[in-house]
Amino acid sequence: MKVISLVPSITEALFDLGLTENEVIGRTKFCIHPKEKVKNVPIIGGTKNINIEKIKSLKPDLILANKEENIKEQVEALMDDCKVIVTNVETIEDNYYLLKQLGHLFHKEEKAQIFNLKTYEVLNQAKIDSSIKVAYLIWNNPYMTVGSDTFIHRILSEIGFENIFNHTTRYPEIKAEDLAEADVIMLSSEPFPFKEKHIAELKGVYTDKKIMIVDGEAFSWYGTHIAKCENYFKELLSEMHSLQK
């Protein structure tokens, strides 16, 4: 089956499940994992600006899209000529069924189940002893954070963090003064690439808070990615333990 993925984390999952460049025939420019394999796969635009004519010219048997990652009108424009599956992953359970679905579609059920079991194992091991109040920022100028109906919020909650913006939904804009309640301010490495200078800016407002850059992929890439983040979460939690003393 020839498949085009419009979703970076799903592209990674397809290769992790054992598909090859002969089967994955198109990807977005943000589909960067696994590096050595995606480099041979044609780019069909970005997640928000796909090249519809190029996609159709590749004659895929299936296109995998996502409700949040892709633009509805662009995906609908593909549906007249191509079979499209639109995924929607907001919870750990959603992620479980996504991998189960991919495993079934590509006859990789056993590998999908291995990744599902590993995902639960990683999250079960990554637990903090008591609730730490967290603000997780995904964007700068304006600052944007995550509400309670996002995958990132679910990962934070699974680990035991309390998202101070859990009363909001989606990705609300906030101001620096809205972060006062947080014990820890997490600056995600993506989609906005926060750097040390951004930590310094917030330190000018909150001298006593823990402000750190975190791996955005570990919190937002669903599919198989979390199953490979065991060491990252262990290191993160060891940093958190110092706050609890």
Protein backbone atom coordinates (compact mmCIF):
# COMPACT_ATOMS: atom_id res chain seq x y z
CA MET A 1 0.00 0.00 0.00
CA LYS A 2 1.31 3.44 -1.01
CA VAL A 3 0.72 5.98 1.74
CA ILE A 4 1.29 9.71 2.17
CA SER A 5 1.49 11.11 5.70
CA LEU A 6 0.59 14.73 6.42
CA VAL A 7 1.49 14.34 10.11
CA PRO A 8 5.07 14.26 11.46
CA SER A 9 4.42 11.92 14.37
CA ILE A 10 2.42 9.53 12.17
CA THR A 11 5.24 9.45 9.62
CA GLU A 12 7.59 8.42 12.42
CA ALA A 13 5.12 5.78 13.60
CA LEU A 14 4.80 4.26 10.11
CA PHE A 15 8.54 3.70 9.90
CA ASP A 16 8.69 2.45 13.49
CA LEU A 17 6.03 -0.12 12.61
CA GLY A 18 8.23 -1.36 9.78
CA LEU A 19 7.07 0.42 6.65
CA THR A 20 9.73 1.44 4.12
CA GLU A 21 10.34 4.29 1.68
CA ASN A 22 8.66 2.11 -0.96
CA GLU A 23 5.40 2.35 0.97
CA VAL A 24 5.64 5.85 2.48
CA ILE A 25 5.75 7.88 -0.74
CA GLY A 26 5.11 11.41 0.58
CA ARG A 27 5.61 13.47 3.74
CA THR A 28 5.60 17.06 4.98
CA LYS A 29 8.78 19.06 5.52
CA PHE A 30 8.18 18.73 9.26
CA CYS A 31 8.28 14.92 9.08
CA ILE A 32 11.89 14.66 10.29
CA HIS A 33 11.97 11.26 12.03
CA PRO A 34 13.51 8.78 11.40
CA LYS A 35 16.07 11.02 9.73
CA GLU A 36 17.87 8.37 7.71
CA LYS A 37 14.62 7.09 6.18
CA VAL A 38 12.50 10.20 5.62
CA LYS A 39 15.28 11.87 3.63
CA ASN A 40 14.40 9.59 0.71
CA VAL A 41 10.67 10.41 0.83
CA PRO A 42 9.34 13.27 -1.36
CA ILE A 43 8.14 16.40 0.46
CA ILE A 44 4.60 17.51 -0.37
CA GLY A 45 4.62 20.85 1.49
CA GLY A 46 4.06 21.74 5.13
CA THR A 47 1.35 20.50 7.47
CA LYS A 48 -0.70 23.67 6.88
CA ASN A 49 0.12 24.23 3.19
CA ILE A 50 0.17 20.91 1.37
CA ASN A 51 0.73 20.72 -2.38
CA ILE A 52 -2.52 19.10 -3.48
CA GLU A 53 -1.53 18.57 -7.10
CA LYS A 54 1.78 16.96 -6.15
CA ILE A 55 0.00 14.63 -3.75
CA LYS A 56 -2.49 13.57 -6.43
CA SER A 57 0.32 13.03 -8.93
CA LEU A 58 1.96 10.51 -6.57
CA LYS A 59 -1.25 8.41 -6.71
CA PRO A 60 -1.33 7.24 -3.10
CA ASP A 61 -3.63 4.43 -1.98
CA LEU A 62 -4.10 6.21 1.33
CA ILE A 63 -3.45 9.63 2.89
CA LEU A 64 -3.15 10.02 6.67
CA ALA A 65 -4.13 13.43 8.03
CA ASN A 66 -4.95 14.89 11.45
CA LYS A 67 -7.77 17.13 12.59
CA GLU A 68 -5.47 19.51 14.45
CA GLU A 69 -2.31 19.40 12.32
CA ASN A 70 -3.87 19.92 8.91
CA ILE A 71 -6.25 22.45 7.33
CA LYS A 72 -9.76 21.05 6.89
CA GLU A 73 -10.34 22.58 3.44
CA GLN A 74 -7.03 21.26 2.10
CA VAL A 75 -7.74 17.74 3.35
CA GLU A 76 -11.27 17.84 1.92
CA ALA A 77 -9.82 18.84 -1.47
CA LEU A 78 -7.95 15.53 -1.50
CA MET A 79 -10.98 13.42 -0.68
CA ASP A 80 -12.50 13.58 -4.19
CA ASP A 81 -9.58 11.64 -5.67
CA CYS A 82 -7.93 9.88 -2.73
CA LYS A 83 -8.81 7.78 0.28
CA VAL A 84 -8.11 9.91 3.35
CA ILE A 85 -8.17 8.95 7.03
CA VAL A 86 -8.37 11.93 9.40
CA THR A 87 -7.04 11.12 12.86
CA ASN A 88 -7.75 12.96 16.09
CA VAL A 89 -5.54 12.28 19.12
CA GLU A 90 -6.27 14.12 22.38
CA THR A 91 -5.83 11.38 24.98
CA ILE A 92 -3.60 8.39 25.75
CA GLU A 93 -6.52 6.16 24.85
CA ASP A 94 -6.82 7.93 21.47
CA ASN A 95 -3.13 7.22 20.93
CA TYR A 96 -3.65 3.55 21.77
CA TYR A 97 -6.37 3.24 19.14
CA LEU A 98 -4.35 5.21 16.58
CA LEU A 99 -1.51 2.68 16.80
CA LYS A 100 -3.99 -0.19 16.80
CA GLN A 101 -5.57 1.24 13.64
CA LEU A 102 -2.22 1.71 11.90
CA GLY A 103 -1.18 -1.79 12.91
CA HIS A 104 -4.36 -3.19 11.39
CA LEU A 105 -4.11 -1.14 8.18
CA PHE A 106 -0.55 -2.19 7.44
CA HIS A 107 -0.62 -5.69 8.97
CA LYS A 108 1.77 -4.66 11.74
CA GLU A 109 -0.50 -5.51 14.67
CA GLU A 110 2.22 -7.10 16.78
CA LYS A 111 4.61 -4.15 16.48
CA ALA A 112 1.80 -1.70 17.20
CA GLN A 113 0.95 -3.57 20.38
CA ILE A 114 4.59 -3.58 21.49
CA PHE A 115 4.73 0.22 21.11
CA ASN A 116 1.41 0.61 22.92
CA LEU A 117 2.59 -1.46 25.88
CA LYS A 118 5.87 0.44 25.99
CA THR A 119 4.04 3.79 25.94
CA TYR A 120 2.00 2.81 28.99
CA GLU A 121 5.12 1.48 30.71
CA VAL A 122 7.02 4.75 30.12
CA LEU A 123 4.14 6.86 31.42
CA ASN A 124 3.56 4.62 34.43
CA GLN A 125 7.21 4.90 35.42
CA ALA A 126 7.30 8.67 34.87
CA LYS A 127 5.44 9.75 37.98
CA ILE A 128 6.26 12.59 40.34
CA ASP A 129 5.52 12.11 44.05
CA SER A 130 3.38 15.21 44.49
CA SER A 131 1.66 17.70 42.26
CA ILE A 132 3.88 20.42 40.83
CA LYS A 133 2.06 23.36 39.25
CA VAL A 134 3.24 23.84 35.69
CA ALA A 135 2.79 26.31 32.88
CA TYR A 136 3.73 24.86 29.49
CA LEU A 137 4.41 27.46 26.78
CA ILE A 138 4.30 26.56 23.09
CA TRP A 139 4.65 30.03 21.56
CA ASN A 140 6.33 33.36 22.10
CA ASN A 141 5.13 36.87 21.30
CA PRO A 142 2.39 36.32 22.21
CA TYR A 143 2.88 33.64 24.81
CA MET A 144 0.59 30.67 24.18
CA THR A 145 -0.05 27.74 26.47
CA VAL A 146 -2.08 24.49 26.47
CA GLY A 147 -5.61 23.88 27.69
CA SER A 148 -7.21 20.75 29.10
CA ASP A 149 -8.36 19.28 25.77
CA THR A 150 -4.85 18.90 24.32
CA PHE A 151 -2.53 15.90 24.09
CA ILE A 152 0.23 17.87 25.83
CA HIS A 153 -2.06 18.48 28.82
CA ARG A 154 -2.79 14.74 29.01
CA ILE A 155 0.91 13.87 29.09
CA LEU A 156 1.56 16.47 31.80
CA SER A 157 -1.33 15.05 33.83
CA GLU A 158 -0.24 11.44 33.34
CA ILE A 159 3.15 12.28 34.82
CA GLY A 160 1.52 14.09 37.74
CA PHE A 161 1.95 17.75 36.87
CA GLU A 162 -0.88 20.20 37.48
CA ASN A 163 -1.42 22.42 34.46
CA ILE A 164 -2.34 25.85 35.86
CA PHE A 165 -4.31 26.52 32.65
CA ASN A 166 -6.47 23.39 32.93
CA HIS A 167 -9.56 25.63 33.08
CA THR A 168 -8.92 26.67 29.46
CA THR A 169 -9.19 24.81 26.15
CA ARG A 170 -6.98 24.55 23.07
CA TYR A 171 -4.06 27.00 22.97
CA PRO A 172 -4.94 30.28 24.68
CA GLU A 173 -2.83 33.43 24.52
CA ILE A 174 -1.53 34.53 27.91
CA LYS A 175 0.69 37.22 29.43
CA ALA A 176 3.77 36.81 31.60
CA GLU A 177 1.82 37.92 34.68
CA ASP A 178 -0.57 34.96 34.20
CA LEU A 179 2.28 32.59 35.10
CA ALA A 180 2.48 33.64 38.77
CA GLU A 181 0.85 30.44 40.09
CA ALA A 182 3.31 28.08 38.41
CA ASP A 183 6.10 26.31 40.32
CA VAL A 184 7.73 25.46 36.99
CA ILE A 185 7.52 27.23 33.63
CA MET A 186 8.25 24.87 30.75
CA LEU A 187 9.30 26.37 27.43
CA SER A 188 8.76 23.88 24.65
CA SER A 189 11.40 23.29 21.96
CA GLU A 190 8.57 23.28 19.38
CA PRO A 191 6.53 24.58 17.64
CA PHE A 192 8.27 27.77 18.76
CA PRO A 193 11.99 27.08 19.30
CA PHE A 194 12.47 28.58 22.77
CA LYS A 195 16.11 29.32 23.68
CA GLU A 196 18.11 30.33 26.75
CA LYS A 197 17.43 34.02 26.03
CA HIS A 198 13.72 33.37 26.55
CA ILE A 199 14.46 31.85 29.94
CA ALA A 200 16.39 35.02 30.79
CA GLU A 201 13.43 37.19 29.76
CA LEU A 202 11.07 35.34 32.11
CA LYS A 203 13.68 35.27 34.88
CA GLY A 204 13.44 39.07 34.75
CA VAL A 205 9.83 38.70 35.91
CA TYR A 206 10.09 35.56 38.06
CA THR A 207 13.51 35.33 39.68
CA ASP A 208 12.54 32.50 42.02
CA LYS A 209 10.80 30.12 39.59
CA LYS A 210 12.19 27.06 37.84
CA ILE A 211 12.14 27.98 34.14
CA MET A 212 13.37 25.36 31.71
CA ILE A 213 13.33 24.30 28.08
CA VAL A 214 11.66 20.93 27.53
CA ASP A 215 11.59 18.54 24.59
CA GLY A 216 8.40 19.43 22.76
CA GLU A 217 8.37 16.15 20.85
CA ALA A 218 8.28 14.15 24.11
CA PHE A 219 5.06 15.93 25.12
CA SER A 220 3.28 16.46 21.80
CA TRP A 221 4.30 13.72 19.37
CA TYR A 222 1.72 10.96 19.61
CA GLY A 223 2.09 7.60 17.89
CA THR A 224 5.26 5.71 18.79
CA HIS A 225 7.34 8.62 20.06
CA ILE A 226 6.54 8.48 23.78
CA ALA A 227 7.59 4.84 23.88
CA LYS A 228 11.12 6.06 23.06
CA CYS A 229 11.23 8.82 25.70
CA GLU A 230 11.91 6.70 28.79
CA ASN A 231 15.35 8.19 29.47
CA TYR A 232 14.19 11.73 28.76
CA PHE A 233 11.33 11.53 31.27
CA LYS A 234 13.63 9.96 33.88
CA GLU A 235 16.04 12.89 33.57
CA LEU A 236 13.18 15.41 33.68
CA LEU A 237 11.73 13.88 36.83
CA SER A 238 15.10 13.80 38.55
CA GLU A 239 15.20 17.57 38.02
CA MET A 240 11.70 17.85 39.48
CA HIS A 241 12.63 15.87 42.58
CA SER A 242 15.05 18.63 43.56
CA LEU A 243 12.06 21.01 43.66
CA GLN A 244 10.17 18.75 46.03
CA LYS A 245 12.90 18.66 48.67
